Amino acid sequence: MRGAMWRCCIRGEVGVRAPPVAAAAESSRALTHRDYACLMDPIRHNLSDRCVLLFSTDWFKPYWPLLGLRVLDGQENRFVDAMRSAVRDLIGQENDYFNVSSGDMRVARTRKLWLDAVSSFTPLGAPSPLLDLERCSLDERRQVRDEIVRDNYVSWDELMSRQWTSLAQSDWDTWVASITASVPDYLRTFAWSVGYDPSDRH
């Protein structure tokens, strides 16, 4: 993965257009208004929630590069453990993620847990530009996204074309799916919306 993908302040022309991923586009067309409301309104407010949920799973681990995430060698399991601890803190006694408090204090606590883990277990100690909406501009994220899609086209195609029910690899994955059961493809669609979505809404 290119070093340019890790610097938020890159300036210059983007020379690569992302190739179309038919399955991803089809997935987008199938989304309901409720799905988009959950995913995009407001993305900054619960971005950390979706990051800790997504990166806690076993099924998404092979696809970390799609969102520009690099973890220090040998620290992958510790990073996942930190994500799962954050998820347990996030969910508390609830059985459904969509019943969890969206109050500022709770959201700030989850965001801190996410950023603490990134600081401890990634080479640069900061989220990739795709997951750093506060510091990185739309143009910067677009450049990174184009490079990732170009370099990982096969992985994107594989991820978006698989049946959702075939992704779960562990009891943890099954549990995470159960707490977002009302929007079954919530986390995969989030990954696609941040890492591939050609509409560049965010």
Protein backbone atom coordinates (compact mmCIF):
# COMPACT_ATOMS: atom_id res chain seq x y z
CA MET A 1 0.00 0.00 0.00
CA ARG A 2 1.46 3.35 -1.00
CA GLY A 3 2.79 5.77 1.59
CA ALA A 4 0.72 8.53 -0.01
CA MET A 5 -2.38 6.83 1.30
CA TRP A 6 -1.30 7.62 4.84
CA ARG A 7 -0.77 11.35 4.56
CA CYS A 8 -3.78 13.60 4.92
CA CYS A 9 -2.11 16.70 3.51
CA ILE A 10 -1.21 15.43 0.06
CA ARG A 11 -1.99 17.85 -2.74
CA GLY A 12 -1.94 17.11 -6.43
CA GLU A 13 -3.99 15.69 -9.21
CA VAL A 14 -5.75 12.41 -8.90
CA GLY A 15 -4.79 10.39 -11.91
CA VAL A 16 -6.76 7.23 -11.25
CA ARG A 17 -10.44 6.64 -11.70
CA ALA A 18 -11.96 3.93 -9.58
CA PRO A 19 -13.10 0.99 -11.71
CA PRO A 20 -16.78 0.15 -11.47
CA VAL A 21 -17.72 -2.61 -9.07
CA ALA A 22 -21.04 -3.89 -10.33
CA ALA A 23 -21.90 -5.81 -7.20
CA ALA A 24 -21.24 -2.78 -5.03
CA ALA A 25 -23.42 -0.59 -7.20
CA GLU A 26 -26.16 -3.19 -7.05
CA SER A 27 -25.84 -3.28 -3.27
CA SER A 28 -26.20 0.51 -3.20
CA ARG A 29 -29.34 0.46 -5.31
CA ALA A 30 -30.89 -2.09 -2.98
CA LEU A 31 -30.50 0.11 0.10
CA THR A 32 -33.65 1.47 1.66
CA HIS A 33 -34.15 5.01 2.94
CA ARG A 34 -33.80 3.62 6.46
CA ASP A 35 -30.45 2.09 5.59
CA TYR A 36 -29.13 5.38 4.30
CA ALA A 37 -30.50 7.21 7.32
CA CYS A 38 -28.66 4.80 9.61
CA LEU A 39 -25.47 4.98 7.58
CA MET A 40 -25.12 8.60 6.66
CA ASP A 41 -27.04 10.81 9.12
CA PRO A 42 -24.80 12.11 10.57
CA ILE A 43 -21.73 10.10 9.62
CA ARG A 44 -19.36 12.01 11.90
CA HIS A 45 -21.53 11.46 14.95
CA ASN A 46 -21.38 7.68 14.99
CA LEU A 47 -18.41 6.91 12.75
CA SER A 48 -16.50 5.51 15.73
CA ASP A 49 -19.39 3.19 16.59
CA ARG A 50 -19.28 1.61 13.18
CA CYS A 51 -15.50 1.43 13.16
CA VAL A 52 -15.30 -0.51 16.43
CA LEU A 53 -18.16 -2.79 15.36
CA LEU A 54 -16.66 -3.48 11.93
CA PHE A 55 -13.05 -3.97 13.04
CA SER A 56 -14.10 -6.19 15.94
CA THR A 57 -15.31 -8.86 13.53
CA ASP A 58 -13.36 -11.81 12.20
CA TRP A 59 -15.03 -11.71 8.78
CA PHE A 60 -13.72 -8.22 7.95
CA LYS A 61 -10.13 -8.84 9.03
CA PRO A 62 -8.91 -9.85 5.53
CA TYR A 63 -10.42 -6.64 4.17
CA TRP A 64 -8.75 -4.12 6.51
CA PRO A 65 -6.65 -2.71 3.62
CA LEU A 66 -9.86 -1.68 1.85
CA LEU A 67 -10.27 1.09 4.42
CA GLY A 68 -6.56 1.89 4.62
CA LEU A 69 -6.10 0.27 8.03
CA ARG A 70 -2.63 -1.03 8.85
CA VAL A 71 -1.85 -2.58 12.22
CA LEU A 72 1.62 -3.13 13.63
CA ASP A 73 3.01 -6.58 12.87
CA GLY A 74 1.99 -9.08 15.52
CA GLN A 75 -0.55 -6.71 17.06
CA GLU A 76 -3.58 -7.70 15.02
CA ASN A 77 -5.21 -9.80 17.73
CA ARG A 78 -4.61 -7.15 20.39
CA PHE A 79 -6.22 -4.56 18.13
CA VAL A 80 -9.26 -6.81 17.63
CA ASP A 81 -9.46 -7.38 21.39
CA ALA A 82 -9.47 -3.59 21.91
CA MET A 83 -12.26 -3.26 19.35
CA ARG A 84 -14.30 -5.93 21.12
CA SER A 85 -13.81 -4.27 24.46
CA ALA A 86 -15.06 -1.02 22.93
CA VAL A 87 -18.08 -2.82 21.47
CA ARG A 88 -18.95 -4.33 24.85
CA ASP A 89 -18.72 -0.89 26.41
CA LEU A 90 -20.83 0.54 23.59
CA ILE A 91 -23.59 -2.05 23.76
CA GLY A 92 -23.78 -2.37 27.53
CA GLN A 93 -26.98 -4.17 28.48
CA GLU A 94 -28.76 -3.61 25.18
CA ASN A 95 -29.58 -6.38 22.72
CA ASP A 96 -29.83 -4.09 19.70
CA TYR A 97 -27.27 -1.51 18.60
CA PHE A 98 -30.02 0.83 17.43
CA ASN A 99 -31.28 1.11 21.01
CA VAL A 100 -27.91 2.31 22.31
CA SER A 101 -27.74 5.90 23.57
CA SER A 102 -26.58 8.43 21.00
CA GLY A 103 -25.83 11.03 23.66
CA ASP A 104 -22.70 13.11 23.27
CA MET A 105 -20.95 11.63 26.32
CA ARG A 106 -21.48 8.04 25.19
CA VAL A 107 -20.41 8.84 21.63
CA ALA A 108 -17.32 10.67 22.89
CA ARG A 109 -16.35 7.69 25.06
CA THR A 110 -16.59 5.28 22.10
CA ARG A 111 -14.62 7.68 19.94
CA LYS A 112 -11.88 7.82 22.58
CA LEU A 113 -11.70 4.03 22.76
CA TRP A 114 -11.43 3.86 18.96
CA LEU A 115 -8.71 6.51 18.75
CA ASP A 116 -6.79 5.04 21.70
CA ALA A 117 -6.66 1.67 19.95
CA VAL A 118 -5.59 3.24 16.67
CA SER A 119 -2.90 5.22 18.51
CA SER A 120 -1.59 2.09 20.21
CA PHE A 121 -1.67 -0.45 17.40
CA THR A 122 -1.16 1.32 14.05
CA PRO A 123 2.15 2.52 12.56
CA LEU A 124 1.16 6.18 12.35
CA GLY A 125 -1.02 6.24 15.45
CA ALA A 126 -3.91 7.81 13.53
CA PRO A 127 -6.85 6.60 11.44
CA SER A 128 -6.44 6.29 7.69
CA PRO A 129 -7.74 9.30 5.76
CA LEU A 130 -10.91 7.40 4.87
CA LEU A 131 -11.73 7.10 8.58
CA ASP A 132 -10.55 10.58 9.58
CA LEU A 133 -13.34 12.88 8.43
CA GLU A 134 -12.41 15.66 10.83
CA ARG A 135 -8.85 16.27 9.62
CA CYS A 136 -8.90 15.04 6.03
CA SER A 137 -10.72 16.84 3.24
CA LEU A 138 -13.03 15.25 0.71
CA ASP A 139 -10.38 15.62 -2.01
CA GLU A 140 -7.77 13.92 0.16
CA ARG A 141 -10.10 11.04 0.94
CA ARG A 142 -11.05 10.76 -2.73
CA GLN A 143 -7.41 10.41 -3.74
CA VAL A 144 -6.83 7.69 -1.15
CA ARG A 145 -10.05 5.94 -2.10
CA ASP A 146 -9.09 5.84 -5.78
CA GLU A 147 -5.71 4.29 -4.97
CA ILE A 148 -7.23 1.68 -2.66
CA VAL A 149 -9.95 0.69 -5.10
CA ARG A 150 -7.41 0.42 -7.91
CA ASP A 151 -5.03 -1.72 -5.86
CA ASN A 152 -7.73 -3.86 -4.23
CA TYR A 153 -10.32 -4.21 -6.99
CA VAL A 154 -10.49 -7.98 -6.66
CA SER A 155 -10.99 -7.79 -2.89
CA TRP A 156 -13.78 -5.22 -3.24
CA ASP A 157 -15.49 -7.32 -5.88
CA GLU A 158 -15.22 -10.42 -3.69
CA LEU A 159 -16.49 -8.68 -0.58
CA MET A 160 -19.51 -7.11 -2.24
CA SER A 161 -20.49 -10.16 -4.30
CA ARG A 162 -20.56 -12.65 -1.42
CA GLN A 163 -23.80 -13.57 0.25
CA TRP A 164 -24.00 -11.71 3.54
CA THR A 165 -24.81 -14.90 5.44
CA SER A 166 -21.55 -16.48 4.23
CA LEU A 167 -19.33 -13.83 5.82
CA ALA A 168 -19.67 -14.70 9.52
CA GLN A 169 -16.69 -16.75 10.71
CA SER A 170 -17.10 -16.94 14.48
CA ASP A 171 -19.50 -16.73 17.40
CA TRP A 172 -18.50 -13.09 17.78
CA ASP A 173 -19.44 -12.38 14.17
CA THR A 174 -22.82 -14.01 14.73
CA TRP A 175 -23.41 -11.93 17.84
CA VAL A 176 -22.48 -8.67 16.11
CA ALA A 177 -24.87 -9.56 13.29
CA SER A 178 -27.61 -10.16 15.87
CA ILE A 179 -27.30 -6.67 17.36
CA THR A 180 -27.72 -5.08 13.92
CA ALA A 181 -30.30 -7.60 12.72
CA SER A 182 -32.82 -4.95 11.69
CA VAL A 183 -30.31 -3.75 9.07
CA PRO A 184 -28.49 -7.00 8.24
CA ASP A 185 -25.90 -5.53 5.88
CA TYR A 186 -25.22 -2.48 8.06
CA LEU A 187 -21.48 -2.95 8.54
CA ARG A 188 -20.59 -4.14 5.05
CA THR A 189 -22.52 -1.26 3.53
CA PHE A 190 -20.72 1.13 5.86
CA ALA A 191 -17.38 -0.22 4.65
CA TRP A 192 -18.47 0.20 1.04
CA SER A 193 -19.83 3.71 1.62
CA VAL A 194 -16.54 4.88 3.17
CA GLY A 195 -14.10 2.92 1.04
CA TYR A 196 -15.67 2.78 -2.41
CA ASP A 197 -18.86 4.83 -2.80
CA PRO A 198 -18.38 6.75 -6.08
CA SER A 199 -20.91 9.44 -5.15
CA ASP A 200 -18.33 11.03 -2.80
CA ARG A 201 -20.91 12.23 -0.29
CA HIS A 202 -18.38 12.34 2.54
